[in-house]
């Protein structure tokens, strides 16, 4: 099995596969780096009390955000409670003056997380997560929040390059959405030679390659470069529908698809698939993007 997650994140997937008896080779297809500037993120964090919703889409986003909170010496829990206190005063003043209650009065900052891993990363910091969509994709976030964000301010913390489904659709629903990048993903050039070597060595060629995001797919193709690499007999395993769509877009096969869009779900799908015979696809080669 070839695992292409970022180096610091490959452990969980590799460990589960090894536990089941697989021989695992790790070659990262993505590298996580800080954004070119932290100014937009820092500004948003300093003004966190002005937002009604915070959306975090990945563990990388959680880690990057809390790292910046630490650098800025900001206490997230206190800031979240501070918003409740500020809005509570607004509510009291409104009641005394006979005005209507402010739309967000007496409500703390609400948090939405995509996927159980993101949720766990937040809750490990003793922060409550209010919404985790049933499906761990952007479209499910929109369905979960669409009726709750009209007139609200939303902060979306994510990677530099990401789909625009969440901000676009929530704006249509009446939300004011600020998007800030907490990190960026790049192609790890050190993986290029290793990947080509493994694919070209009959003794080391993997039976399956795992893809855990669209970035891993695009970077896999970038790492192969202009050289035509035969992928005959190799199964491609995808963690979810967006990743699967990117595989098809780039002319790559999608042999194994997780039913639950998580690492355990991907492992379960791989186990189910490899229990049956491999059906080689003679002559399948990657399409250069």
C-alpha atoms as a PDB file:
ATOM      1  CA  UNK A   1       0.000   0.000   0.000  1.00  0.00           C
ATOM      2  CA  UNK A   2       1.252   3.470  -0.873  1.00  0.00           C
ATOM      3  CA  UNK A   3       0.066   6.215   1.490  1.00  0.00           C
ATOM      4  CA  UNK A   4       0.353   9.732   0.100  1.00  0.00           C
ATOM      5  CA  UNK A   5      -0.763  11.862   3.055  1.00  0.00           C
ATOM      6  CA  UNK A   6       1.359  14.695   4.395  1.00  0.00           C
ATOM      7  CA  UNK A   7       4.324  13.310   6.345  1.00  0.00           C
ATOM      8  CA  UNK A   8       3.057  14.355   9.795  1.00  0.00           C
ATOM      9  CA  UNK A   9      -0.404  12.898   9.121  1.00  0.00           C
ATOM     10  CA  UNK A  10       0.408   9.592   7.456  1.00  0.00           C
ATOM     11  CA  UNK A  11       0.761   7.723  10.757  1.00  0.00           C
ATOM     12  CA  UNK A  12      -2.911   7.039  11.492  1.00  0.00           C
ATOM     13  CA  UNK A  13      -3.703   5.579   8.073  1.00  0.00           C
ATOM     14  CA  UNK A  14      -0.433   3.659   7.853  1.00  0.00           C
ATOM     15  CA  UNK A  15      -0.858   2.264  11.362  1.00  0.00           C
ATOM     16  CA  UNK A  16      -4.345   0.926  10.649  1.00  0.00           C
ATOM     17  CA  UNK A  17      -3.214  -0.687   7.403  1.00  0.00           C
ATOM     18  CA  UNK A  18      -0.151  -2.274   9.051  1.00  0.00           C
ATOM     19  CA  UNK A  19      -2.326  -3.603  11.864  1.00  0.00           C
ATOM     20  CA  UNK A  20      -4.307  -5.458   9.204  1.00  0.00           C
ATOM     21  CA  UNK A  21      -1.130  -6.964   7.767  1.00  0.00           C
ATOM     22  CA  UNK A  22      -0.388  -4.604   4.905  1.00  0.00           C
ATOM     23  CA  UNK A  23       3.093  -3.536   3.890  1.00  0.00           C
ATOM     24  CA  UNK A  24       2.949   0.244   3.811  1.00  0.00           C
ATOM     25  CA  UNK A  25       5.160   2.684   1.951  1.00  0.00           C
ATOM     26  CA  UNK A  26       4.808   6.380   2.773  1.00  0.00           C
ATOM     27  CA  UNK A  27       5.555   8.965   0.085  1.00  0.00           C
ATOM     28  CA  UNK A  28       3.852  12.306   0.828  1.00  0.00           C
ATOM     29  CA  UNK A  29       1.973  13.878  -2.070  1.00  0.00           C
ATOM     30  CA  UNK A  30       1.378  17.109  -0.156  1.00  0.00           C
ATOM     31  CA  UNK A  31       3.394  19.310   2.148  1.00  0.00           C
ATOM     32  CA  UNK A  32       1.737  21.691   4.610  1.00  0.00           C
ATOM     33  CA  UNK A  33       3.248  25.171   4.808  1.00  0.00           C
ATOM     34  CA  UNK A  34       2.303  28.430   6.537  1.00  0.00           C
ATOM     35  CA  UNK A  35       0.558  31.028   4.358  1.00  0.00           C
ATOM     36  CA  UNK A  36       2.692  33.749   2.812  1.00  0.00           C
ATOM     37  CA  UNK A  37       1.125  36.223   5.224  1.00  0.00           C
ATOM     38  CA  UNK A  38      -0.642  35.720   8.542  1.00  0.00           C
ATOM     39  CA  UNK A  39      -2.157  39.216   8.516  1.00  0.00           C
ATOM     40  CA  UNK A  40      -5.683  38.218   7.370  1.00  0.00           C
ATOM     41  CA  UNK A  41      -5.839  35.311   9.837  1.00  0.00           C
ATOM     42  CA  UNK A  42      -4.410  37.367  12.697  1.00  0.00           C
ATOM     43  CA  UNK A  43      -6.882  40.179  12.044  1.00  0.00           C
ATOM     44  CA  UNK A  44      -9.805  37.744  12.038  1.00  0.00           C
ATOM     45  CA  UNK A  45      -8.650  36.094  15.262  1.00  0.00           C
ATOM     46  CA  UNK A  46      -8.256  39.416  17.039  1.00  0.00           C
ATOM     47  CA  UNK A  47     -11.839  40.227  16.034  1.00  0.00           C
ATOM     48  CA  UNK A  48     -13.241  36.778  16.700  1.00  0.00           C
ATOM     49  CA  UNK A  49     -15.843  38.259  19.045  1.00  0.00           C
ATOM     50  CA  UNK A  50     -17.535  39.937  16.061  1.00  0.00           C
ATOM     51  CA  UNK A  51     -18.420  36.628  14.387  1.00  0.00           C
ATOM     52  CA  UNK A  52     -21.464  34.402  14.909  1.00  0.00           C
ATOM     53  CA  UNK A  53     -20.070  31.271  13.268  1.00  0.00           C
ATOM     54  CA  UNK A  54     -16.611  29.732  12.875  1.00  0.00           C
ATOM     55  CA  UNK A  55     -16.175  26.964  10.285  1.00  0.00           C
ATOM     56  CA  UNK A  56     -13.111  24.708  10.355  1.00  0.00           C
ATOM     57  CA  UNK A  57     -12.686  22.229   7.530  1.00  0.00           C
ATOM     58  CA  UNK A  58      -9.618  20.189   8.529  1.00  0.00           C
ATOM     59  CA  UNK A  59      -7.252  19.201  11.299  1.00  0.00           C
ATOM     60  CA  UNK A  60      -4.569  21.269   9.568  1.00  0.00           C
ATOM     61  CA  UNK A  61      -6.794  24.328   9.867  1.00  0.00           C
ATOM     62  CA  UNK A  62      -7.418  23.693  13.567  1.00  0.00           C
ATOM     63  CA  UNK A  63      -3.730  23.264  14.311  1.00  0.00           C
ATOM     64  CA  UNK A  64      -2.729  26.335  12.312  1.00  0.00           C
ATOM     65  CA  UNK A  65      -5.411  28.483  13.925  1.00  0.00           C
ATOM     66  CA  UNK A  66      -4.508  27.498  17.475  1.00  0.00           C
ATOM     67  CA  UNK A  67      -0.841  27.990  16.725  1.00  0.00           C
ATOM     68  CA  UNK A  68      -1.606  31.586  15.716  1.00  0.00           C
ATOM     69  CA  UNK A  69      -3.801  32.081  18.784  1.00  0.00           C
ATOM     70  CA  UNK A  70      -0.788  31.062  20.847  1.00  0.00           C
ATOM     71  CA  UNK A  71       1.571  33.375  18.974  1.00  0.00           C
ATOM     72  CA  UNK A  72      -0.891  36.256  19.484  1.00  0.00           C
ATOM     73  CA  UNK A  73      -1.445  35.273  23.128  1.00  0.00           C
ATOM     74  CA  UNK A  74      -5.201  35.050  22.590  1.00  0.00           C
ATOM     75  CA  UNK A  75      -7.382  32.762  24.686  1.00  0.00           C
ATOM     76  CA  UNK A  76     -10.078  31.289  22.450  1.00  0.00           C
ATOM     77  CA  UNK A  77     -12.367  30.199  25.279  1.00  0.00           C
ATOM     78  CA  UNK A  78     -12.286  33.629  26.904  1.00  0.00           C
ATOM     79  CA  UNK A  79     -12.928  35.361  23.596  1.00  0.00           C
ATOM     80  CA  UNK A  80     -15.875  33.058  22.968  1.00  0.00           C
ATOM     81  CA  UNK A  81     -17.306  33.804  26.414  1.00  0.00           C
ATOM     82  CA  UNK A  82     -16.546  37.477  25.871  1.00  0.00           C
ATOM     83  CA  UNK A  83     -18.874  37.507  22.897  1.00  0.00           C
ATOM     84  CA  UNK A  84     -21.635  36.027  25.015  1.00  0.00           C
ATOM     85  CA  UNK A  85     -21.063  38.706  27.670  1.00  0.00           C
ATOM     86  CA  UNK A  86     -21.011  41.541  25.104  1.00  0.00           C
ATOM     87  CA  UNK A  87     -24.156  40.351  23.410  1.00  0.00           C
ATOM     88  CA  UNK A  88     -25.825  39.775  26.773  1.00  0.00           C
ATOM     89  CA  UNK A  89     -25.305  43.462  27.582  1.00  0.00           C
ATOM     90  CA  UNK A  90     -26.814  44.369  24.208  1.00  0.00           C
ATOM     91  CA  UNK A  91     -29.809  42.209  25.032  1.00  0.00           C
ATOM     92  CA  UNK A  92     -30.263  43.846  28.450  1.00  0.00           C
ATOM     93  CA  UNK A  93     -30.083  47.324  26.949  1.00  0.00           C
ATOM     94  CA  UNK A  94     -32.573  46.355  24.242  1.00  0.00           C
ATOM     95  CA  UNK A  95     -35.060  44.983  26.765  1.00  0.00           C
ATOM     96  CA  UNK A  96     -34.812  48.102  28.950  1.00  0.00           C
ATOM     97  CA  UNK A  97     -35.333  50.381  25.962  1.00  0.00           C
ATOM     98  CA  UNK A  98     -38.251  48.340  24.678  1.00  0.00           C
ATOM     99  CA  UNK A  99     -36.446  47.401  21.473  1.00  0.00           C
ATOM    100  CA  UNK A 100     -36.378  43.977  19.895  1.00  0.00           C
ATOM    101  CA  UNK A 101     -33.680  41.545  20.952  1.00  0.00           C
ATOM    102  CA  UNK A 102     -30.607  41.745  18.663  1.00  0.00           C
ATOM    103  CA  UNK A 103     -30.451  38.877  16.176  1.00  0.00           C
ATOM    104  CA  UNK A 104     -27.401  37.298  17.827  1.00  0.00           C
ATOM    105  CA  UNK A 105     -27.981  38.431  21.385  1.00  0.00           C
ATOM    106  CA  UNK A 106     -26.965  36.105  24.209  1.00  0.00           C
ATOM    107  CA  UNK A 107     -25.460  33.612  21.728  1.00  0.00           C
ATOM    108  CA  UNK A 108     -21.837  32.542  21.907  1.00  0.00           C
ATOM    109  CA  UNK A 109     -19.728  31.959  18.818  1.00  0.00           C
ATOM    110  CA  UNK A 110     -20.947  28.735  17.210  1.00  0.00           C
ATOM    111  CA  UNK A 111     -18.527  26.267  15.641  1.00  0.00           C
ATOM    112  CA  UNK A 112     -19.005  23.928  12.686  1.00  0.00           C
ATOM    113  CA  UNK A 113     -16.435  21.256  11.833  1.00  0.00           C
ATOM    114  CA  UNK A 114     -16.143  19.005   8.791  1.00  0.00           C
ATOM    115  CA  UNK A 115     -15.556  15.432   9.889  1.00  0.00           C
ATOM    116  CA  UNK A 116     -14.875  13.627  13.173  1.00  0.00           C
ATOM    117  CA  UNK A 117     -11.106  14.185  12.965  1.00  0.00           C
ATOM    118  CA  UNK A 118     -11.592  17.948  12.792  1.00  0.00           C
ATOM    119  CA  UNK A 119     -14.159  17.767  15.573  1.00  0.00           C
ATOM    120  CA  UNK A 120     -11.765  15.758  17.746  1.00  0.00           C
ATOM    121  CA  UNK A 121      -8.917  18.214  17.145  1.00  0.00           C
ATOM    122  CA  UNK A 122     -11.141  21.061  18.356  1.00  0.00           C
ATOM    123  CA  UNK A 123     -12.577  19.187  21.336  1.00  0.00           C
ATOM    124  CA  UNK A 124      -9.085  18.170  22.452  1.00  0.00           C
ATOM    125  CA  UNK A 125      -8.670  21.876  23.142  1.00  0.00           C
ATOM    126  CA  UNK A 126     -11.749  21.733  25.383  1.00  0.00           C
ATOM    127  CA  UNK A 127     -13.889  23.627  22.911  1.00  0.00           C
ATOM    128  CA  UNK A 128     -17.426  22.500  22.109  1.00  0.00           C
ATOM    129  CA  UNK A 129     -18.349  21.864  18.478  1.00  0.00           C
ATOM    130  CA  UNK A 130     -21.936  22.767  17.665  1.00  0.00           C
ATOM    131  CA  UNK A 131     -22.387  21.296  14.181  1.00  0.00           C
ATOM    132  CA  UNK A 132     -20.769  18.319  12.440  1.00  0.00           C
ATOM    133  CA  UNK A 133     -22.488  17.571   9.106  1.00  0.00           C
ATOM    134  CA  UNK A 134     -23.708  14.043   8.442  1.00  0.00           C
ATOM    135  CA  UNK A 135     -21.470  13.837   5.379  1.00  0.00           C
ATOM    136  CA  UNK A 136     -17.965  15.208   5.603  1.00  0.00           C
ATOM    137  CA  UNK A 137     -18.010  17.412   2.514  1.00  0.00           C
ATOM    138  CA  UNK A 138     -18.616  21.115   1.882  1.00  0.00           C
ATOM    139  CA  UNK A 139     -22.107  20.567   0.465  1.00  0.00           C
ATOM    140  CA  UNK A 140     -23.219  18.963   3.713  1.00  0.00           C
ATOM    141  CA  UNK A 141     -21.935  21.953   5.693  1.00  0.00           C
ATOM    142  CA  UNK A 142     -24.079  24.215   3.535  1.00  0.00           C
ATOM    143  CA  UNK A 143     -27.155  22.052   4.085  1.00  0.00           C
ATOM    144  CA  UNK A 144     -26.564  22.100   7.851  1.00  0.00           C
ATOM    145  CA  UNK A 145     -26.112  25.872   8.111  1.00  0.00           C
ATOM    146  CA  UNK A 146     -28.166  27.373   5.300  1.00  0.00           C
ATOM    147  CA  UNK A 147     -31.184  28.141   7.494  1.00  0.00           C
ATOM    148  CA  UNK A 148     -29.088  29.389  10.417  1.00  0.00           C
ATOM    149  CA  UNK A 149     -26.820  32.033   8.917  1.00  0.00           C
ATOM    150  CA  UNK A 150     -29.086  34.713   7.459  1.00  0.00           C
ATOM    151  CA  UNK A 151     -27.754  38.054   8.724  1.00  0.00           C
ATOM    152  CA  UNK A 152     -24.863  36.360  10.539  1.00  0.00           C
ATOM    153  CA  UNK A 153     -21.123  36.887  10.269  1.00  0.00           C
ATOM    154  CA  UNK A 154     -19.226  33.718   9.382  1.00  0.00           C
ATOM    155  CA  UNK A 155     -15.481  33.083   9.574  1.00  0.00           C
ATOM    156  CA  UNK A 156     -14.198  30.255   7.372  1.00  0.00           C
ATOM    157  CA  UNK A 157     -10.649  29.124   8.183  1.00  0.00           C
ATOM    158  CA  UNK A 158      -9.152  26.902   5.495  1.00  0.00           C
ATOM    159  CA  UNK A 159      -6.287  26.167   3.099  1.00  0.00           C
ATOM    160  CA  UNK A 160      -5.167  28.666   0.476  1.00  0.00           C
ATOM    161  CA  UNK A 161      -6.545  26.543  -2.346  1.00  0.00           C
ATOM    162  CA  UNK A 162      -9.988  25.125  -1.636  1.00  0.00           C
ATOM    163  CA  UNK A 163     -13.414  24.791  -3.214  1.00  0.00           C
ATOM    164  CA  UNK A 164     -15.676  27.838  -2.950  1.00  0.00           C
ATOM    165  CA  UNK A 165     -18.881  25.926  -2.240  1.00  0.00           C
ATOM    166  CA  UNK A 166     -19.189  27.006   1.402  1.00  0.00           C
ATOM    167  CA  UNK A 167     -18.641  30.771   1.057  1.00  0.00           C
ATOM    168  CA  UNK A 168     -20.636  31.016  -2.169  1.00  0.00           C
ATOM    169  CA  UNK A 169     -23.691  29.149  -0.914  1.00  0.00           C
ATOM    170  CA  UNK A 170     -23.730  30.698   2.568  1.00  0.00           C
ATOM    171  CA  UNK A 171     -23.575  34.179   1.033  1.00  0.00           C
ATOM    172  CA  UNK A 172     -26.600  33.238  -1.056  1.00  0.00           C
ATOM    173  CA  UNK A 173     -28.285  32.309   2.239  1.00  0.00           C
ATOM    174  CA  UNK A 174     -27.707  35.815   3.574  1.00  0.00           C
ATOM    175  CA  UNK A 175     -24.486  35.372   5.527  1.00  0.00           C
ATOM    176  CA  UNK A 176     -21.504  37.703   5.525  1.00  0.00           C
ATOM    177  CA  UNK A 177     -18.604  35.302   5.032  1.00  0.00           C
ATOM    178  CA  UNK A 178     -14.936  36.085   5.610  1.00  0.00           C
ATOM    179  CA  UNK A 179     -12.495  33.504   4.212  1.00  0.00           C
ATOM    180  CA  UNK A 180      -8.973  33.413   5.621  1.00  0.00           C
ATOM    181  CA  UNK A 181      -6.164  31.021   4.809  1.00  0.00           C
ATOM    182  CA  UNK A 182      -4.415  29.331   7.702  1.00  0.00           C
ATOM    183  CA  UNK A 183      -2.030  27.208   5.623  1.00  0.00           C
ATOM    184  CA  UNK A 184      -1.241  26.148   2.091  1.00  0.00           C
ATOM    185  CA  UNK A 185      -0.481  22.807   0.488  1.00  0.00           C
ATOM    186  CA  UNK A 186       2.397  22.427  -1.955  1.00  0.00           C
ATOM    187  CA  UNK A 187       3.988  19.634  -3.965  1.00  0.00           C
ATOM    188  CA  UNK A 188       6.854  18.061  -1.971  1.00  0.00           C
ATOM    189  CA  UNK A 189       9.632  17.966  -4.566  1.00  0.00           C
ATOM    190  CA  UNK A 190      11.594  15.447  -2.482  1.00  0.00           C
ATOM    191  CA  UNK A 191       8.886  12.859  -3.253  1.00  0.00           C
ATOM    192  CA  UNK A 192       9.278  13.046  -7.046  1.00  0.00           C
ATOM    193  CA  UNK A 193      12.257  10.719  -7.451  1.00  0.00           C
ATOM    194  CA  UNK A 194      10.983   8.240  -4.844  1.00  0.00           C
ATOM    195  CA  UNK A 195       7.548   7.954  -6.430  1.00  0.00           C
ATOM    196  CA  UNK A 196       8.895   7.383  -9.920  1.00  0.00           C
ATOM    197  CA  UNK A 197      11.359   4.828  -8.568  1.00  0.00           C
ATOM    198  CA  UNK A 198       8.683   2.859  -6.714  1.00  0.00           C
ATOM    199  CA  UNK A 199       6.297   2.794  -9.670  1.00  0.00           C
ATOM    200  CA  UNK A 200       9.092   1.651 -11.950  1.00  0.00           C
ATOM    201  CA  UNK A 201      10.261  -1.195  -9.697  1.00  0.00           C
ATOM    202  CA  UNK A 202       8.194  -4.414 -10.112  1.00  0.00           C
ATOM    203  CA  UNK A 203       9.285  -5.603  -6.662  1.00  0.00           C
ATOM    204  CA  UNK A 204       8.118  -2.425  -4.901  1.00  0.00           C
ATOM    205  CA  UNK A 205       5.092  -1.376  -6.946  1.00  0.00           C
ATOM    206  CA  UNK A 206       2.071  -0.965  -4.642  1.00  0.00           C
ATOM    207  CA  UNK A 207      -1.163  -2.856  -5.119  1.00  0.00           C
ATOM    208  CA  UNK A 208      -3.074   0.247  -4.078  1.00  0.00           C
ATOM    209  CA  UNK A 209      -2.508   3.982  -3.629  1.00  0.00           C
ATOM    210  CA  UNK A 210      -4.568   6.014  -1.169  1.00  0.00           C
ATOM    211  CA  UNK A 211      -5.843   9.523  -1.850  1.00  0.00           C
ATOM    212  CA  UNK A 212      -7.275  11.558   1.018  1.00  0.00           C
ATOM    213  CA  UNK A 213      -8.019  14.859  -0.738  1.00  0.00           C
ATOM    214  CA  UNK A 214      -8.160  16.462  -4.164  1.00  0.00           C
ATOM    215  CA  UNK A 215      -4.756  17.993  -3.432  1.00  0.00           C
ATOM    216  CA  UNK A 216      -3.186  14.558  -3.069  1.00  0.00           C
ATOM    217  CA  UNK A 217      -4.566  13.587  -6.486  1.00  0.00           C
ATOM    218  CA  UNK A 218      -3.401  16.738  -8.277  1.00  0.00           C
ATOM    219  CA  UNK A 219       0.012  16.590  -6.633  1.00  0.00           C
ATOM    220  CA  UNK A 220       0.384  12.889  -7.486  1.00  0.00           C
ATOM    221  CA  UNK A 221      -0.011  13.792 -11.162  1.00  0.00           C
ATOM    222  CA  UNK A 222       2.387  16.737 -10.737  1.00  0.00           C
ATOM    223  CA  UNK A 223       4.983  14.457  -9.141  1.00  0.00           C
ATOM    224  CA  UNK A 224       4.779  12.051 -12.074  1.00  0.00           C
ATOM    225  CA  UNK A 225       5.356  15.012 -14.385  1.00  0.00           C
ATOM    226  CA  UNK A 226       5.654  14.559 -18.129  1.00  0.00           C
ATOM    227  CA  UNK A 227       6.927  11.034 -17.812  1.00  0.00           C
ATOM    228  CA  UNK A 228       4.317   8.474 -18.792  1.00  0.00           C
ATOM    229  CA  UNK A 229       3.966   6.124 -15.843  1.00  0.00           C
ATOM    230  CA  UNK A 230       2.215   2.807 -16.247  1.00  0.00           C
ATOM    231  CA  UNK A 231      -0.344   2.279 -13.504  1.00  0.00           C
ATOM    232  CA  UNK A 232      -1.364  -1.193 -14.609  1.00  0.00           C
ATOM    233  CA  UNK A 233      -2.601  -3.377 -11.745  1.00  0.00           C
ATOM    234  CA  UNK A 234      -2.598  -0.564  -9.193  1.00  0.00           C
ATOM    235  CA  UNK A 235      -5.862   0.259  -7.439  1.00  0.00           C
ATOM    236  CA  UNK A 236      -6.724   3.833  -6.568  1.00  0.00           C
ATOM    237  CA  UNK A 237      -8.496   4.311  -3.234  1.00  0.00           C
ATOM    238  CA  UNK A 238     -10.452   7.508  -2.559  1.00  0.00           C
ATOM    239  CA  UNK A 239     -11.644   8.890   0.771  1.00  0.00           C
ATOM    240  CA  UNK A 240     -14.689  10.704  -0.622  1.00  0.00           C
ATOM    241  CA  UNK A 241     -16.712  11.983  -3.584  1.00  0.00           C
ATOM    242  CA  UNK A 242     -14.726  15.181  -4.157  1.00  0.00           C
ATOM    243  CA  UNK A 243     -11.459  13.236  -4.263  1.00  0.00           C
ATOM    244  CA  UNK A 244     -13.072  10.642  -6.554  1.00  0.00           C
ATOM    245  CA  UNK A 245     -14.264  13.402  -8.883  1.00  0.00           C
ATOM    246  CA  UNK A 246     -10.714  14.777  -9.119  1.00  0.00           C
ATOM    247  CA  UNK A 247      -9.362  11.317  -9.967  1.00  0.00           C
ATOM    248  CA  UNK A 248     -11.827  11.030 -12.850  1.00  0.00           C
ATOM    249  CA  UNK A 249     -11.162  14.602 -13.960  1.00  0.00           C
ATOM    250  CA  UNK A 250      -7.465  13.804 -14.356  1.00  0.00           C
ATOM    251  CA  UNK A 251      -8.109  10.557 -16.201  1.00  0.00           C
ATOM    252  CA  UNK A 252      -7.214   8.282 -13.315  1.00  0.00           C
ATOM    253  CA  UNK A 253      -9.224   5.239 -12.227  1.00  0.00           C
ATOM    254  CA  UNK A 254     -11.307   5.222  -9.051  1.00  0.00           C
ATOM    255  CA  UNK A 255     -11.341   1.624  -7.881  1.00  0.00           C
ATOM    256  CA  UNK A 256     -12.057   1.922  -4.168  1.00  0.00           C
ATOM    257  CA  UNK A 257     -14.354   4.502  -2.564  1.00  0.00           C
ATOM    258  CA  UNK A 258     -14.951   4.950   1.138  1.00  0.00           C
ATOM    259  CA  UNK A 259     -18.621   4.897   2.131  1.00  0.00           C
ATOM    260  CA  UNK A 260     -17.820   6.926   5.240  1.00  0.00           C
ATOM    261  CA  UNK A 261     -15.516   9.794   4.309  1.00  0.00           C
ATOM    262  CA  UNK A 262     -12.959   9.200   7.059  1.00  0.00           C
ATOM    263  CA  UNK A 263      -9.664   7.357   7.495  1.00  0.00           C
ATOM    264  CA  UNK A 264     -11.396   4.355   9.158  1.00  0.00           C
ATOM    265  CA  UNK A 265     -13.942   4.408   6.334  1.00  0.00           C
ATOM    266  CA  UNK A 266     -11.158   4.368   3.747  1.00  0.00           C
ATOM    267  CA  UNK A 267      -9.423   1.481   5.496  1.00  0.00           C
ATOM    268  CA  UNK A 268     -12.690  -0.479   5.604  1.00  0.00           C
ATOM    269  CA  UNK A 269     -13.226   0.086   1.881  1.00  0.00           C
ATOM    270  CA  UNK A 270      -9.688  -1.058   1.079  1.00  0.00           C
ATOM    271  CA  UNK A 271     -10.076  -4.209   3.173  1.00  0.00           C
ATOM    272  CA  UNK A 272     -13.361  -5.035   1.441  1.00  0.00           C
ATOM    273  CA  UNK A 273     -11.870  -4.441  -2.005  1.00  0.00           C
ATOM    274  CA  UNK A 274      -8.635  -6.370  -1.635  1.00  0.00           C
ATOM    275  CA  UNK A 275     -10.512  -9.396  -0.354  1.00  0.00           C
ATOM    276  CA  UNK A 276     -11.541  -9.938  -3.983  1.00  0.00           C
ATOM    277  CA  UNK A 277      -9.389 -10.417  -7.097  1.00  0.00           C
ATOM    278  CA  UNK A 278      -7.533  -7.513  -8.684  1.00  0.00           C
ATOM    279  CA  UNK A 279      -8.660  -6.805 -12.241  1.00  0.00           C
ATOM    280  CA  UNK A 280      -5.723  -5.217 -14.092  1.00  0.00           C
ATOM    281  CA  UNK A 281      -6.394  -2.382 -16.508  1.00  0.00           C
ATOM    282  CA  UNK A 282      -3.887  -2.955 -19.327  1.00  0.00           C
ATOM    283  CA  UNK A 283      -2.289   0.173 -20.633  1.00  0.00           C
ATOM    284  CA  UNK A 284      -3.798   2.622 -18.096  1.00  0.00           C
ATOM    285  CA  UNK A 285      -1.571   5.640 -17.816  1.00  0.00           C
ATOM    286  CA  UNK A 286      -2.050   8.947 -16.084  1.00  0.00           C
ATOM    287  CA  UNK A 287      -3.249  12.008 -17.956  1.00  0.00           C
ATOM    288  CA  UNK A 288      -1.049  15.047 -17.485  1.00  0.00           C
ATOM    289  CA  UNK A 289      -3.082  17.936 -15.989  1.00  0.00           C
END
